[in-house]
Amino acid sequence: MRRTGSVAMDLQIISPDTGRIVGSFVSSGRFTSESATSGASLFGVGGGSAFAASSLGQASRAALNDAVRQVNTRRLSENSDRSEGETG
């Protein structure tokens, strides 16, 4: 059985000083898994039915990781631009 999860998030970075949007971007994640089992469970046991282990849960994790990566890249870029302005 093949299961695919896909998640997209629209994110905005808001300045805590002004309350204004200072940036926005889209983050996304995708996860596909294949299993020989049907994914069925009996009395909540088996089948890996927890959200975190599901394709959608894994896609959500990938989208959040992508969001953190983008925020970090943006911050590093802004810090680099500021330091170049101070020395140049």
C-alpha atoms as a PDB file:
ATOM      1  CA  MET A   1       0.000   0.000   0.000  1.00  0.00           C
ATOM      2  CA  ARG A   2       1.375   3.392  -1.016  1.00  0.00           C
ATOM      3  CA  ARG A   3       0.529   6.477   1.052  1.00  0.00           C
ATOM      4  CA  THR A   4       1.473  10.036   0.215  1.00  0.00           C
ATOM      5  CA  GLY A   5       1.136  13.155   2.328  1.00  0.00           C
ATOM      6  CA  SER A   6       1.649  16.714   1.150  1.00  0.00           C
ATOM      7  CA  VAL A   7       1.507  19.877   3.278  1.00  0.00           C
ATOM      8  CA  ALA A   8       1.960  23.548   2.369  1.00  0.00           C
ATOM      9  CA  MET A   9       2.042  26.490   4.769  1.00  0.00           C
ATOM     10  CA  ASP A  10       1.848  30.232   4.131  1.00  0.00           C
ATOM     11  CA  LEU A  11       4.004  31.904   6.772  1.00  0.00           C
ATOM     12  CA  GLN A  12       4.506  35.519   7.753  1.00  0.00           C
ATOM     13  CA  ILE A  13       7.297  37.005   9.824  1.00  0.00           C
ATOM     14  CA  ILE A  14       5.982  39.826  11.993  1.00  0.00           C
ATOM     15  CA  SER A  15       8.108  42.438  13.726  1.00  0.00           C
ATOM     16  CA  PRO A  16       7.402  42.374  17.473  1.00  0.00           C
ATOM     17  CA  ASP A  17       8.296  46.086  17.649  1.00  0.00           C
ATOM     18  CA  THR A  18       5.889  47.357  14.997  1.00  0.00           C
ATOM     19  CA  GLY A  19       3.448  44.503  14.442  1.00  0.00           C
ATOM     20  CA  ARG A  20       4.104  44.822  10.722  1.00  0.00           C
ATOM     21  CA  ILE A  21       4.757  41.948   8.349  1.00  0.00           C
ATOM     22  CA  VAL A  22       8.452  42.010   7.480  1.00  0.00           C
ATOM     23  CA  GLY A  23       8.501  38.871   5.365  1.00  0.00           C
ATOM     24  CA  SER A  24       6.415  36.042   4.044  1.00  0.00           C
ATOM     25  CA  PHE A  25       7.050  32.752   2.305  1.00  0.00           C
ATOM     26  CA  VAL A  26       5.561  29.382   1.496  1.00  0.00           C
ATOM     27  CA  SER A  27       6.888  26.237   3.107  1.00  0.00           C
ATOM     28  CA  SER A  28       6.051  22.756   1.911  1.00  0.00           C
ATOM     29  CA  GLY A  29       6.732  19.128   2.665  1.00  0.00           C
ATOM     30  CA  ARG A  30       5.968  15.805   1.057  1.00  0.00           C
ATOM     31  CA  PHE A  31       6.304  12.245   2.265  1.00  0.00           C
ATOM     32  CA  THR A  32       5.590   8.936   0.568  1.00  0.00           C
ATOM     33  CA  SER A  33       5.722   5.510   2.135  1.00  0.00           C
ATOM     34  CA  GLU A  34       5.063   2.017   0.939  1.00  0.00           C
ATOM     35  CA  SER A  35       3.966  -0.810   3.155  1.00  0.00           C
ATOM     36  CA  ALA A  36       3.082  -4.427   2.619  1.00  0.00           C
ATOM     37  CA  THR A  37       0.460  -4.169   5.371  1.00  0.00           C
ATOM     38  CA  SER A  38      -3.034  -2.768   5.028  1.00  0.00           C
ATOM     39  CA  GLY A  39      -2.524  -0.230   7.837  1.00  0.00           C
ATOM     40  CA  ALA A  40      -5.405  -1.737   9.803  1.00  0.00           C
ATOM     41  CA  SER A  41      -5.325  -1.923  13.566  1.00  0.00           C
ATOM     42  CA  LEU A  42      -7.168  -3.904  16.160  1.00  0.00           C
ATOM     43  CA  PHE A  43      -8.207  -2.061  19.348  1.00  0.00           C
ATOM     44  CA  GLY A  44      -5.750   0.742  18.561  1.00  0.00           C
ATOM     45  CA  VAL A  45      -2.771  -1.619  18.396  1.00  0.00           C
ATOM     46  CA  GLY A  46      -0.781  -2.074  15.215  1.00  0.00           C
ATOM     47  CA  GLY A  47      -1.026  -0.394  11.880  1.00  0.00           C
ATOM     48  CA  GLY A  48       0.992   2.642  13.006  1.00  0.00           C
ATOM     49  CA  SER A  49      -2.094   4.835  13.204  1.00  0.00           C
ATOM     50  CA  ALA A  50      -0.475   7.681  15.189  1.00  0.00           C
ATOM     51  CA  PHE A  51      -0.480  11.009  13.323  1.00  0.00           C
ATOM     52  CA  ALA A  52       3.260  11.536  13.738  1.00  0.00           C
ATOM     53  CA  ALA A  53       3.990   8.234  11.995  1.00  0.00           C
ATOM     54  CA  SER A  54       1.490   8.857   9.194  1.00  0.00           C
ATOM     55  CA  SER A  55       2.414  10.201   5.769  1.00  0.00           C
ATOM     56  CA  LEU A  56       0.592  13.443   6.581  1.00  0.00           C
ATOM     57  CA  GLY A  57       2.409  13.697   9.919  1.00  0.00           C
ATOM     58  CA  GLN A  58       5.775  13.146   8.231  1.00  0.00           C
ATOM     59  CA  ALA A  59       4.906  15.686   5.515  1.00  0.00           C
ATOM     60  CA  SER A  60       3.996  18.196   8.255  1.00  0.00           C
ATOM     61  CA  ARG A  61       7.367  17.611   9.873  1.00  0.00           C
ATOM     62  CA  ALA A  62       9.112  18.150   6.538  1.00  0.00           C
ATOM     63  CA  ALA A  63       7.161  21.396   5.970  1.00  0.00           C
ATOM     64  CA  LEU A  64       8.082  22.684   9.441  1.00  0.00           C
ATOM     65  CA  ASN A  65      11.737  21.803   8.866  1.00  0.00           C
ATOM     66  CA  ASP A  66      11.580  23.702   5.567  1.00  0.00           C
ATOM     67  CA  ALA A  67      10.020  26.714   7.346  1.00  0.00           C
ATOM     68  CA  VAL A  68      12.749  26.787  10.003  1.00  0.00           C
ATOM     69  CA  ARG A  69      15.409  26.476   7.304  1.00  0.00           C
ATOM     70  CA  GLN A  70      13.914  29.422   5.382  1.00  0.00           C
ATOM     71  CA  VAL A  71      13.610  31.630   8.485  1.00  0.00           C
ATOM     72  CA  ASN A  72      17.198  30.828   9.453  1.00  0.00           C
ATOM     73  CA  THR A  73      18.472  31.561   5.943  1.00  0.00           C
ATOM     74  CA  ARG A  74      16.582  34.858   5.896  1.00  0.00           C
ATOM     75  CA  ARG A  75      17.983  35.881   9.299  1.00  0.00           C
ATOM     76  CA  LEU A  76      21.539  34.978   8.314  1.00  0.00           C
ATOM     77  CA  SER A  77      21.142  36.986   5.105  1.00  0.00           C
ATOM     78  CA  GLU A  78      19.790  40.018   6.994  1.00  0.00           C
ATOM     79  CA  ASN A  79      22.601  39.831   9.561  1.00  0.00           C
ATOM     80  CA  SER A  80      25.164  39.592   6.764  1.00  0.00           C
ATOM     81  CA  ASP A  81      23.640  42.605   4.982  1.00  0.00           C
ATOM     82  CA  ARG A  82      23.748  44.624   8.218  1.00  0.00           C
ATOM     83  CA  SER A  83      27.368  43.767   8.979  1.00  0.00           C
ATOM     84  CA  GLU A  84      28.420  44.661   5.422  1.00  0.00           C
ATOM     85  CA  GLY A  85      26.687  48.030   5.777  1.00  0.00           C
ATOM     86  CA  GLU A  86      28.512  48.731   9.025  1.00  0.00           C
ATOM     87  CA  THR A  87      31.969  47.906   7.647  1.00  0.00           C
ATOM     88  CA  GLY A  88      31.563  49.132   4.094  1.00  0.00           C
END
